[in-house]
Amino acid sequence: MLKTKNIFIVFFVVLALIFGFIFCTFTNSYLNFLLIKQYEQKIKSLDDVLKFSLLEHLNDANIKDFAKDTR
């Protein structure tokens, strides 16, 4: 009886660890996906600004202002 109980406890712990690992993996990959999409959108916005000459002179101050406005 005691060995069977210990086997089920170990099985439950291993199963919980597996599900926890899967949950962390999916959460991490989804957050990375969102981060990549956010930077991709910023790059597209900057490309549009440069393409249509919305900024007359490109310098550090303009880029910083643009980054603040697009957040």
PDB file of N, CA and C in Angstrom:
ATOM      1  N   MET A   1       0.825  -1.196   0.000  1.00  0.00           N
ATOM      2  CA  MET A   1       0.000   0.000   0.000  1.00  0.00           C
ATOM      3  C   MET A   1       0.864   1.253   0.000  1.00  0.00           C
ATOM      4  N   LEU A   2       1.909   1.268   0.828  1.00  0.00           N
ATOM      5  CA  LEU A   2       2.768   2.445   0.933  1.00  0.00           C
ATOM      6  C   LEU A   2       3.553   2.672  -0.357  1.00  0.00           C
ATOM      7  N   LYS A   3       4.019   1.588  -0.992  1.00  0.00           N
ATOM      8  CA  LYS A   3       4.766   1.738  -2.243  1.00  0.00           C
ATOM      9  C   LYS A   3       3.859   2.281  -3.352  1.00  0.00           C
ATOM     10  N   THR A   4       2.633   1.804  -3.410  1.00  0.00           N
ATOM     11  CA  THR A   4       1.696   2.280  -4.422  1.00  0.00           C
ATOM     12  C   THR A   4       1.397   3.760  -4.213  1.00  0.00           C
ATOM     13  N   LYS A   5       1.232   4.157  -2.972  1.00  0.00           N
ATOM     14  CA  LYS A   5       0.970   5.563  -2.652  1.00  0.00           C
ATOM     15  C   LYS A   5       2.151   6.434  -3.075  1.00  0.00           C
ATOM     16  N   ASN A   6       3.360   5.982  -2.795  1.00  0.00           N
ATOM     17  CA  ASN A   6       4.556   6.740  -3.176  1.00  0.00           C
ATOM     18  C   ASN A   6       4.695   6.838  -4.689  1.00  0.00           C
ATOM     19  N   ILE A   7       4.344   5.772  -5.392  1.00  0.00           N
ATOM     20  CA  ILE A   7       4.433   5.793  -6.854  1.00  0.00           C
ATOM     21  C   ILE A   7       3.470   6.833  -7.420  1.00  0.00           C
ATOM     22  N   PHE A   8       2.246   6.888  -6.887  1.00  0.00           N
ATOM     23  CA  PHE A   8       1.279   7.872  -7.372  1.00  0.00           C
ATOM     24  C   PHE A   8       1.693   9.297  -7.022  1.00  0.00           C
ATOM     25  N   ILE A   9       2.297   9.484  -5.865  1.00  0.00           N
ATOM     26  CA  ILE A   9       2.779  10.820  -5.488  1.00  0.00           C
ATOM     27  C   ILE A   9       3.891  11.259  -6.435  1.00  0.00           C
ATOM     28  N   VAL A  10       4.826  10.372  -6.709  1.00  0.00           N
ATOM     29  CA  VAL A  10       5.921  10.692  -7.633  1.00  0.00           C
ATOM     30  C   VAL A  10       5.364  10.954  -9.028  1.00  0.00           C
ATOM     31  N   PHE A  11       4.416  10.139  -9.470  1.00  0.00           N
ATOM     32  CA  PHE A  11       3.795  10.330 -10.783  1.00  0.00           C
ATOM     33  C   PHE A  11       3.097  11.686 -10.861  1.00  0.00           C
ATOM     34  N   PHE A  12       2.377  12.062  -9.809  1.00  0.00           N
ATOM     35  CA  PHE A  12       1.691  13.350  -9.779  1.00  0.00           C
ATOM     36  C   PHE A  12       2.686  14.509  -9.827  1.00  0.00           C
ATOM     37  N   VAL A  13       3.777  14.409  -9.081  1.00  0.00           N
ATOM     38  CA  VAL A  13       4.788  15.470  -9.073  1.00  0.00           C
ATOM     39  C   VAL A  13       5.435  15.596 -10.449  1.00  0.00           C
ATOM     40  N   VAL A  14       5.762  14.475 -11.055  1.00  0.00           N
ATOM     41  CA  VAL A  14       6.374  14.503 -12.391  1.00  0.00           C
ATOM     42  C   VAL A  14       5.397  15.093 -13.405  1.00  0.00           C
ATOM     43  N   LEU A  15       4.138  14.709 -13.319  1.00  0.00           N
ATOM     44  CA  LEU A  15       3.128  15.240 -14.225  1.00  0.00           C
ATOM     45  C   LEU A  15       2.954  16.747 -14.041  1.00  0.00           C
ATOM     46  N   ALA A  16       2.952  17.203 -12.793  1.00  0.00           N
ATOM     47  CA  ALA A  16       2.834  18.641 -12.523  1.00  0.00           C
ATOM     48  C   ALA A  16       4.046  19.392 -13.066  1.00  0.00           C
ATOM     49  N   LEU A  17       5.235  18.824 -12.928  1.00  0.00           N
ATOM     50  CA  LEU A  17       6.443  19.460 -13.467  1.00  0.00           C
ATOM     51  C   LEU A  17       6.392  19.540 -14.990  1.00  0.00           C
ATOM     52  N   ILE A  18       5.904  18.495 -15.622  1.00  0.00           N
ATOM     53  CA  ILE A  18       5.809  18.500 -17.086  1.00  0.00           C
ATOM     54  C   ILE A  18       4.839  19.582 -17.556  1.00  0.00           C
ATOM     55  N   PHE A  19       3.663  19.652 -16.927  1.00  0.00           N
ATOM     56  CA  PHE A  19       2.699  20.685 -17.316  1.00  0.00           C
ATOM     57  C   PHE A  19       3.226  22.084 -17.013  1.00  0.00           C
ATOM     58  N   GLY A  20       3.926  22.246 -15.908  1.00  0.00           N
ATOM     59  CA  GLY A  20       4.527  23.543 -15.591  1.00  0.00           C
ATOM     60  C   GLY A  20       5.558  23.950 -16.624  1.00  0.00           C
ATOM     61  N   PHE A  21       6.384  22.999 -17.038  1.00  0.00           N
ATOM     62  CA  PHE A  21       7.398  23.280 -18.054  1.00  0.00           C
ATOM     63  C   PHE A  21       6.752  23.655 -19.386  1.00  0.00           C
ATOM     64  N   ILE A  22       5.710  22.929 -19.772  1.00  0.00           N
ATOM     65  CA  ILE A  22       5.006  23.238 -21.024  1.00  0.00           C
ATOM     66  C   ILE A  22       4.368  24.621 -20.950  1.00  0.00           C
ATOM     67  N   PHE A  23       3.743  24.943 -19.812  1.00  0.00           N
ATOM     68  CA  PHE A  23       3.116  26.249 -19.645  1.00  0.00           C
ATOM     69  C   PHE A  23       4.153  27.365 -19.746  1.00  0.00           C
ATOM     70  N   CYS A  24       5.286  27.205 -19.075  1.00  0.00           N
ATOM     71  CA  CYS A  24       6.339  28.232 -19.126  1.00  0.00           C
ATOM     72  C   CYS A  24       6.894  28.382 -20.537  1.00  0.00           C
ATOM     73  N   THR A  25       7.059  27.279 -21.237  1.00  0.00           N
ATOM     74  CA  THR A  25       7.582  27.328 -22.603  1.00  0.00           C
ATOM     75  C   THR A  25       6.629  28.079 -23.532  1.00  0.00           C
ATOM     76  N   PHE A  26       5.337  27.744 -23.474  1.00  0.00           N
ATOM     77  CA  PHE A  26       4.373  28.433 -24.330  1.00  0.00           C
ATOM     78  C   PHE A  26       4.241  29.906 -23.970  1.00  0.00           C
ATOM     79  N   THR A  27       4.257  30.215 -22.687  1.00  0.00           N
ATOM     80  CA  THR A  27       4.157  31.609 -22.263  1.00  0.00           C
ATOM     81  C   THR A  27       5.361  32.403 -22.750  1.00  0.00           C
ATOM     82  N   ASN A  28       6.541  31.841 -22.605  1.00  0.00           N
ATOM     83  CA  ASN A  28       7.761  32.521 -23.036  1.00  0.00           C
ATOM     84  C   ASN A  28       7.767  32.733 -24.549  1.00  0.00           C
ATOM     85  N   SER A  29       7.365  31.724 -25.301  1.00  0.00           N
ATOM     86  CA  SER A  29       7.366  31.874 -26.762  1.00  0.00           C
ATOM     87  C   SER A  29       6.321  32.896 -27.207  1.00  0.00           C
ATOM     88  N   TYR A  30       5.172  32.946 -26.526  1.00  0.00           N
ATOM     89  CA  TYR A  30       4.144  33.927 -26.885  1.00  0.00           C
ATOM     90  C   TYR A  30       4.614  35.345 -26.571  1.00  0.00           C
ATOM     91  N   LEU A  31       5.272  35.534 -25.432  1.00  0.00           N
ATOM     92  CA  LEU A  31       5.795  36.860 -25.094  1.00  0.00           C
ATOM     93  C   LEU A  31       6.878  37.290 -26.075  1.00  0.00           C
ATOM     94  N   ASN A  32       7.732  36.361 -26.479  1.00  0.00           N
ATOM     95  CA  ASN A  32       8.747  36.684 -27.485  1.00  0.00           C
ATOM     96  C   ASN A  32       8.091  37.053 -28.811  1.00  0.00           C
ATOM     97  N   PHE A  33       7.028  36.348 -29.183  1.00  0.00           N
ATOM     98  CA  PHE A  33       6.295  36.652 -30.411  1.00  0.00           C
ATOM     99  C   PHE A  33       5.717  38.065 -30.356  1.00  0.00           C
ATOM    100  N   LEU A  34       5.106  38.426 -29.219  1.00  0.00           N
ATOM    101  CA  LEU A  34       4.544  39.770 -29.079  1.00  0.00           C
ATOM    102  C   LEU A  34       5.628  40.835 -29.151  1.00  0.00           C
ATOM    103  N   LEU A  35       6.767  40.571 -28.533  1.00  0.00           N
ATOM    104  CA  LEU A  35       7.868  41.528 -28.547  1.00  0.00           C
ATOM    105  C   LEU A  35       8.405  41.719 -29.957  1.00  0.00           C
ATOM    106  N   ILE A  36       8.543  40.632 -30.693  1.00  0.00           N
ATOM    107  CA  ILE A  36       9.026  40.725 -32.073  1.00  0.00           C
ATOM    108  C   ILE A  36       8.043  41.511 -32.931  1.00  0.00           C
ATOM    109  N   LYS A  37       6.746  41.265 -32.760  1.00  0.00           N
ATOM    110  CA  LYS A  37       5.743  41.993 -33.539  1.00  0.00           C
ATOM    111  C   LYS A  37       5.754  43.480 -33.203  1.00  0.00           C
ATOM    112  N   GLN A  38       5.979  43.814 -31.928  1.00  0.00           N
ATOM    113  CA  GLN A  38       6.021  45.222 -31.526  1.00  0.00           C
ATOM    114  C   GLN A  38       7.206  45.925 -32.186  1.00  0.00           C
ATOM    115  N   TYR A  39       8.384  45.302 -32.148  1.00  0.00           N
ATOM    116  CA  TYR A  39       9.545  45.922 -32.785  1.00  0.00           C
ATOM    117  C   TYR A  39       9.395  45.965 -34.294  1.00  0.00           C
ATOM    118  N   GLU A  40       8.759  44.953 -34.855  1.00  0.00           N
ATOM    119  CA  GLU A  40       8.526  44.957 -36.299  1.00  0.00           C
ATOM    120  C   GLU A  40       7.633  46.133 -36.689  1.00  0.00           C
ATOM    121  N   GLN A  41       6.616  46.409 -35.887  1.00  0.00           N
ATOM    122  CA  GLN A  41       5.733  47.538 -36.162  1.00  0.00           C
ATOM    123  C   GLN A  41       6.482  48.859 -36.044  1.00  0.00           C
ATOM    124  N   LYS A  42       7.370  48.970 -35.045  1.00  0.00           N
ATOM    125  CA  LYS A  42       8.164  50.197 -34.899  1.00  0.00           C
ATOM    126  C   LYS A  42       9.085  50.396 -36.099  1.00  0.00           C
ATOM    127  N   ILE A  43       9.676  49.321 -36.574  1.00  0.00           N
ATOM    128  CA  ILE A  43      10.567  49.422 -37.733  1.00  0.00           C
ATOM    129  C   ILE A  43       9.777  49.834 -38.971  1.00  0.00           C
ATOM    130  N   LYS A  44       8.568  49.276 -39.137  1.00  0.00           N
ATOM    131  CA  LYS A  44       7.737  49.669 -40.281  1.00  0.00           C
ATOM    132  C   LYS A  44       7.337  51.136 -40.186  1.00  0.00           C
ATOM    133  N   SER A  45       7.022  51.597 -38.972  1.00  0.00           N
ATOM    134  CA  SER A  45       6.657  53.009 -38.797  1.00  0.00           C
ATOM    135  C   SER A  45       7.839  53.912 -39.116  1.00  0.00           C
ATOM    136  N   LEU A  46       9.020  53.534 -38.646  1.00  0.00           N
ATOM    137  CA  LEU A  46      10.213  54.330 -38.935  1.00  0.00           C
ATOM    138  C   LEU A  46      10.514  54.321 -40.429  1.00  0.00           C
ATOM    139  N   ASP A  47      10.306  53.179 -41.075  1.00  0.00           N
ATOM    140  CA  ASP A  47      10.517  53.098 -42.521  1.00  0.00           C
ATOM    141  C   ASP A  47       9.546  54.015 -43.260  1.00  0.00           C
ATOM    142  N   ASP A  48       8.288  54.049 -42.823  1.00  0.00           N
ATOM    143  CA  ASP A  48       7.314  54.954 -43.449  1.00  0.00           C
ATOM    144  C   ASP A  48       7.706  56.410 -43.248  1.00  0.00           C
ATOM    145  N   VAL A  49       8.182  56.736 -42.055  1.00  0.00           N
ATOM    146  CA  VAL A  49       8.600  58.117 -41.780  1.00  0.00           C
ATOM    147  C   VAL A  49       9.750  58.505 -42.693  1.00  0.00           C
ATOM    148  N   LEU A  50      10.709  57.606 -42.833  1.00  0.00           N
ATOM    149  CA  LEU A  50      11.859  57.915 -43.688  1.00  0.00           C
ATOM    150  C   LEU A  50      11.465  57.923 -45.167  1.00  0.00           C
ATOM    151  N   LYS A  51      10.581  57.018 -45.551  1.00  0.00           N
ATOM    152  CA  LYS A  51      10.180  56.919 -46.955  1.00  0.00           C
ATOM    153  C   LYS A  51       9.414  58.158 -47.410  1.00  0.00           C
ATOM    154  N   PHE A  52       8.531  58.662 -46.571  1.00  0.00           N
ATOM    155  CA  PHE A  52       7.712  59.803 -46.954  1.00  0.00           C
ATOM    156  C   PHE A  52       8.276  61.122 -46.442  1.00  0.00           C
ATOM    157  N   SER A  53       9.490  61.095 -45.945  1.00  0.00           N
ATOM    158  CA  SER A  53      10.212  62.296 -45.485  1.00  0.00           C
ATOM    159  C   SER A  53       9.394  63.110 -44.485  1.00  0.00           C
ATOM    160  N   LEU A  54       8.833  62.430 -43.510  1.00  0.00           N
ATOM    161  CA  LEU A  54       8.068  63.124 -42.483  1.00  0.00           C
ATOM    162  C   LEU A  54       8.989  63.825 -41.489  1.00  0.00           C
ATOM    163  N   LEU A  55      10.192  63.332 -41.367  1.00  0.00           N
ATOM    164  CA  LEU A  55      11.206  64.021 -40.566  1.00  0.00           C
ATOM    165  C   LEU A  55      12.151  64.713 -41.532  1.00  0.00           C
ATOM    166  N   GLU A  56      12.289  66.014 -41.374  1.00  0.00           N
ATOM    167  CA  GLU A  56      13.123  66.756 -42.324  1.00  0.00           C
ATOM    168  C   GLU A  56      14.598  66.388 -42.187  1.00  0.00           C
ATOM    169  N   HIS A  57      15.064  66.361 -40.969  1.00  0.00           N
ATOM    170  CA  HIS A  57      16.466  66.017 -40.735  1.00  0.00           C
ATOM    171  C   HIS A  57      16.507  64.885 -39.731  1.00  0.00           C
ATOM    172  N   LEU A  58      17.232  63.853 -40.068  1.00  0.00           N
ATOM    173  CA  LEU A  58      17.322  62.692 -39.194  1.00  0.00           C
ATOM    174  C   LEU A  58      18.498  62.874 -38.246  1.00  0.00           C
ATOM    175  N   ASN A  59      18.192  62.993 -36.969  1.00  0.00           N
ATOM    176  CA  ASN A  59      19.242  63.065 -35.961  1.00  0.00           C
ATOM    177  C   ASN A  59      18.759  62.360 -34.703  1.00  0.00           C
ATOM    178  N   ASP A  60      19.606  62.355 -33.678  1.00  0.00           N
ATOM    179  CA  ASP A  60      19.277  61.618 -32.455  1.00  0.00           C
ATOM    180  C   ASP A  60      18.012  62.140 -31.784  1.00  0.00           C
ATOM    181  N   ALA A  61      17.830  63.446 -31.763  1.00  0.00           N
ATOM    182  CA  ALA A  61      16.655  64.016 -31.098  1.00  0.00           C
ATOM    183  C   ALA A  61      15.371  63.613 -31.820  1.00  0.00           C
ATOM    184  N   ASN A  62      15.391  63.659 -33.148  1.00  0.00           N
ATOM    185  CA  ASN A  62      14.200  63.266 -33.910  1.00  0.00           C
ATOM    186  C   ASN A  62      13.861  61.795 -33.700  1.00  0.00           C
ATOM    187  N   ILE A  63      14.876  60.959 -33.682  1.00  0.00           N
ATOM    188  CA  ILE A  63      14.642  59.529 -33.491  1.00  0.00           C
ATOM    189  C   ILE A  63      14.085  59.273 -32.093  1.00  0.00           C
ATOM    190  N   LYS A  64      14.620  59.965 -31.084  1.00  0.00           N
ATOM    191  CA  LYS A  64      14.117  59.782 -29.716  1.00  0.00           C
ATOM    192  C   LYS A  64      12.686  60.276 -29.591  1.00  0.00           C
ATOM    193  N   ASP A  65      12.372  61.407 -30.208  1.00  0.00           N
ATOM    194  CA  ASP A  65      10.992  61.905 -30.181  1.00  0.00           C
ATOM    195  C   ASP A  65      10.047  60.943 -30.900  1.00  0.00           C
ATOM    196  N   PHE A  66      10.498  60.416 -32.018  1.00  0.00           N
ATOM    197  CA  PHE A  66       9.682  59.456 -32.758  1.00  0.00           C
ATOM    198  C   PHE A  66       9.436  58.202 -31.929  1.00  0.00           C
ATOM    199  N   ALA A  67      10.467  57.741 -31.239  1.00  0.00           N
ATOM    200  CA  ALA A  67      10.316  56.544 -30.404  1.00  0.00           C
ATOM    201  C   ALA A  67       9.344  56.794 -29.258  1.00  0.00           C
ATOM    202  N   LYS A  68       9.384  57.993 -28.677  1.00  0.00           N
ATOM    203  CA  LYS A  68       8.451  58.316 -27.589  1.00  0.00           C
ATOM    204  C   LYS A  68       7.021  58.403 -28.100  1.00  0.00           C
ATOM    205  N   ASP A  69       6.842  58.964 -29.291  1.00  0.00           N
ATOM    206  CA  ASP A  69       5.494  59.143 -29.837  1.00  0.00           C
ATOM    207  C   ASP A  69       4.857  57.831 -30.276  1.00  0.00           C
ATOM    208  N   THR A  70       5.661  56.856 -30.653  1.00  0.00           N
ATOM    209  CA  THR A  70       5.102  55.602 -31.164  1.00  0.00           C
ATOM    210  C   THR A  70       4.960  54.541 -30.094  1.00  0.00           C
ATOM    211  N   ARG A  71       5.221  54.852 -28.850  1.00  0.00           N
ATOM    212  CA  ARG A  71       5.065  53.852 -27.784  1.00  0.00           C
ATOM    213  C   ARG A  71       3.640  53.698 -27.402  1.00  0.00           C
TER     214      ARG A  71
END
